[in-house]
Amino acid sequence: MVPDDRDRARGRLRSLTAWISGISAALVGIFAGIAAVTIPGTSDASAAAPAGAAAGAGESEAPEAASTPEPVPVQPTASVPVAAPPGPPHARSGASSHR
């Protein structure tokens, strides 16, 4: 390979690397935007306006009480201990296959 060919190949590789970096950054931005829009349980209206700003001048609304669901007690399940099967284990760590 002559030096000119090597320099051209190196330039193409740099260009390809720059394009891949730019496209990757753009895709991260796109996916972050999609994720931000689709996260459930958030509201743009409540975050953008301070409390009481939605009411007209001189009007005041009573703040809504936050409702939380009643906790449900967890019942323990009856479990029976499971005995290990007889014989050596089937899965082994390492590359050795001898016993």
C-alpha atoms as a PDB file:
ATOM      1  CA  MET A   1       0.000   0.000   0.000  1.00  0.00           C
ATOM      2  CA  VAL A   2       1.441   3.344  -0.990  1.00  0.00           C
ATOM      3  CA  PRO A   3       1.301   6.322   1.379  1.00  0.00           C
ATOM      4  CA  ASP A   4      -1.308   8.137  -0.737  1.00  0.00           C
ATOM      5  CA  ASP A   5      -3.689   5.162  -0.578  1.00  0.00           C
ATOM      6  CA  ARG A   6      -3.149   4.909   3.149  1.00  0.00           C
ATOM      7  CA  ASP A   7      -3.864   8.624   3.617  1.00  0.00           C
ATOM      8  CA  ARG A   8      -7.068   8.403   1.565  1.00  0.00           C
ATOM      9  CA  ALA A   9      -8.216   5.323   3.499  1.00  0.00           C
ATOM     10  CA  ARG A  10      -7.451   7.065   6.770  1.00  0.00           C
ATOM     11  CA  GLY A  11      -9.435  10.128   5.655  1.00  0.00           C
ATOM     12  CA  ARG A  12     -12.401   7.935   4.684  1.00  0.00           C
ATOM     13  CA  LEU A  13     -12.218   6.202   8.047  1.00  0.00           C
ATOM     14  CA  ARG A  14     -12.181   9.556   9.863  1.00  0.00           C
ATOM     15  CA  SER A  15     -15.124  10.761   7.809  1.00  0.00           C
ATOM     16  CA  LEU A  16     -17.051   7.557   8.480  1.00  0.00           C
ATOM     17  CA  THR A  17     -16.307   7.834  12.201  1.00  0.00           C
ATOM     18  CA  ALA A  18     -17.520  11.443  12.273  1.00  0.00           C
ATOM     19  CA  TRP A  19     -20.746  10.533  10.447  1.00  0.00           C
ATOM     20  CA  ILE A  20     -21.424   7.611  12.778  1.00  0.00           C
ATOM     21  CA  SER A  21     -20.804   9.837  15.817  1.00  0.00           C
ATOM     22  CA  GLY A  22     -23.167  12.514  14.531  1.00  0.00           C
ATOM     23  CA  ILE A  23     -25.896  10.043  13.640  1.00  0.00           C
ATOM     24  CA  SER A  24     -25.528   8.351  17.037  1.00  0.00           C
ATOM     25  CA  ALA A  25     -25.865  11.679  18.845  1.00  0.00           C
ATOM     26  CA  ALA A  26     -28.932  12.555  16.793  1.00  0.00           C
ATOM     27  CA  LEU A  27     -30.541   9.188  17.521  1.00  0.00           C
ATOM     28  CA  VAL A  28     -29.886   9.609  21.244  1.00  0.00           C
ATOM     29  CA  GLY A  29     -31.632  12.978  21.095  1.00  0.00           C
ATOM     30  CA  ILE A  30     -34.573  11.536  19.181  1.00  0.00           C
ATOM     31  CA  PHE A  31     -34.993   8.602  21.558  1.00  0.00           C
ATOM     32  CA  ALA A  32     -34.671  10.903  24.582  1.00  0.00           C
ATOM     33  CA  GLY A  33     -37.407  13.113  23.156  1.00  0.00           C
ATOM     34  CA  ILE A  34     -39.663  10.120  22.524  1.00  0.00           C
ATOM     35  CA  ALA A  35     -39.022   8.836  26.043  1.00  0.00           C
ATOM     36  CA  ALA A  36     -39.781  12.240  27.557  1.00  0.00           C
ATOM     37  CA  VAL A  37     -43.081  12.457  25.699  1.00  0.00           C
ATOM     38  CA  THR A  38     -44.210   8.917  26.488  1.00  0.00           C
ATOM     39  CA  ILE A  39     -43.398   8.711  30.220  1.00  0.00           C
ATOM     40  CA  PRO A  40     -46.729   8.131  31.966  1.00  0.00           C
ATOM     41  CA  GLY A  41     -47.825  10.097  35.004  1.00  0.00           C
ATOM     42  CA  THR A  42     -46.396  13.486  34.109  1.00  0.00           C
ATOM     43  CA  SER A  43     -48.250  16.585  32.986  1.00  0.00           C
ATOM     44  CA  ASP A  44     -46.871  19.609  31.192  1.00  0.00           C
ATOM     45  CA  ALA A  45     -49.653  21.862  32.556  1.00  0.00           C
ATOM     46  CA  SER A  46     -48.830  21.220  36.198  1.00  0.00           C
ATOM     47  CA  ALA A  47     -45.120  21.723  35.671  1.00  0.00           C
ATOM     48  CA  ALA A  48     -45.407  24.877  33.567  1.00  0.00           C
ATOM     49  CA  ALA A  49     -47.884  26.920  35.620  1.00  0.00           C
ATOM     50  CA  PRO A  50     -47.498  27.829  39.295  1.00  0.00           C
ATOM     51  CA  ALA A  51     -50.318  26.924  41.675  1.00  0.00           C
ATOM     52  CA  GLY A  52     -53.337  29.173  41.204  1.00  0.00           C
ATOM     53  CA  ALA A  53     -52.091  30.626  37.923  1.00  0.00           C
ATOM     54  CA  ALA A  54     -54.816  28.850  35.950  1.00  0.00           C
ATOM     55  CA  ALA A  55     -57.577  30.654  37.876  1.00  0.00           C
ATOM     56  CA  GLY A  56     -58.833  34.005  36.617  1.00  0.00           C
ATOM     57  CA  ALA A  57     -57.799  37.296  38.208  1.00  0.00           C
ATOM     58  CA  GLY A  58     -59.378  37.531  41.655  1.00  0.00           C
ATOM     59  CA  GLU A  59     -60.669  33.960  41.521  1.00  0.00           C
ATOM     60  CA  SER A  60     -59.082  31.303  43.631  1.00  0.00           C
ATOM     61  CA  GLU A  61     -59.502  27.587  43.392  1.00  0.00           C
ATOM     62  CA  ALA A  62     -59.172  25.264  46.314  1.00  0.00           C
ATOM     63  CA  PRO A  63     -56.235  22.919  45.778  1.00  0.00           C
ATOM     64  CA  GLU A  64     -57.270  19.387  45.001  1.00  0.00           C
ATOM     65  CA  ALA A  65     -56.331  16.819  47.596  1.00  0.00           C
ATOM     66  CA  ALA A  66     -53.939  14.204  46.340  1.00  0.00           C
ATOM     67  CA  SER A  67     -55.610  10.837  46.427  1.00  0.00           C
ATOM     68  CA  THR A  68     -53.527   7.828  47.262  1.00  0.00           C
ATOM     69  CA  PRO A  69     -54.827   4.296  47.018  1.00  0.00           C
ATOM     70  CA  GLU A  70     -55.304   2.337  50.207  1.00  0.00           C
ATOM     71  CA  PRO A  71     -52.465  -0.109  50.824  1.00  0.00           C
ATOM     72  CA  VAL A  72     -53.392  -3.746  50.337  1.00  0.00           C
ATOM     73  CA  PRO A  73     -51.951  -6.112  52.941  1.00  0.00           C
ATOM     74  CA  VAL A  74     -49.749  -8.810  51.505  1.00  0.00           C
ATOM     75  CA  GLN A  75     -50.638 -12.328  52.536  1.00  0.00           C
ATOM     76  CA  PRO A  76     -47.761 -14.792  52.887  1.00  0.00           C
ATOM     77  CA  THR A  77     -48.016 -17.844  50.697  1.00  0.00           C
ATOM     78  CA  ALA A  78     -47.560 -21.328  52.027  1.00  0.00           C
ATOM     79  CA  SER A  79     -44.456 -22.827  50.502  1.00  0.00           C
ATOM     80  CA  VAL A  80     -43.029 -26.292  50.738  1.00  0.00           C
ATOM     81  CA  PRO A  81     -39.249 -26.704  50.720  1.00  0.00           C
ATOM     82  CA  VAL A  82     -38.006 -28.306  47.524  1.00  0.00           C
ATOM     83  CA  ALA A  83     -35.335 -30.971  47.868  1.00  0.00           C
ATOM     84  CA  ALA A  84     -32.343 -30.946  45.528  1.00  0.00           C
ATOM     85  CA  PRO A  85     -32.319 -33.753  42.982  1.00  0.00           C
ATOM     86  CA  PRO A  86     -29.894 -36.605  43.693  1.00  0.00           C
ATOM     87  CA  GLY A  87     -26.586 -36.731  41.850  1.00  0.00           C
ATOM     88  CA  PRO A  88     -24.038 -34.139  40.772  1.00  0.00           C
ATOM     89  CA  PRO A  89     -25.179 -30.786  39.430  1.00  0.00           C
ATOM     90  CA  HIS A  90     -25.600 -30.428  35.678  1.00  0.00           C
ATOM     91  CA  ALA A  91     -24.227 -26.906  35.348  1.00  0.00           C
ATOM     92  CA  ARG A  92     -20.589 -26.371  36.174  1.00  0.00           C
ATOM     93  CA  SER A  93     -18.363 -23.343  36.050  1.00  0.00           C
ATOM     94  CA  GLY A  94     -15.071 -23.337  34.227  1.00  0.00           C
ATOM     95  CA  ALA A  95     -13.912 -25.109  31.107  1.00  0.00           C
ATOM     96  CA  SER A  96     -12.916 -28.356  32.768  1.00  0.00           C
ATOM     97  CA  SER A  97     -15.098 -31.302  31.834  1.00  0.00           C
ATOM     98  CA  HIS A  98     -13.450 -33.995  33.988  1.00  0.00           C
ATOM     99  CA  ARG A  99     -15.078 -35.187  37.186  1.00  0.00           C
END
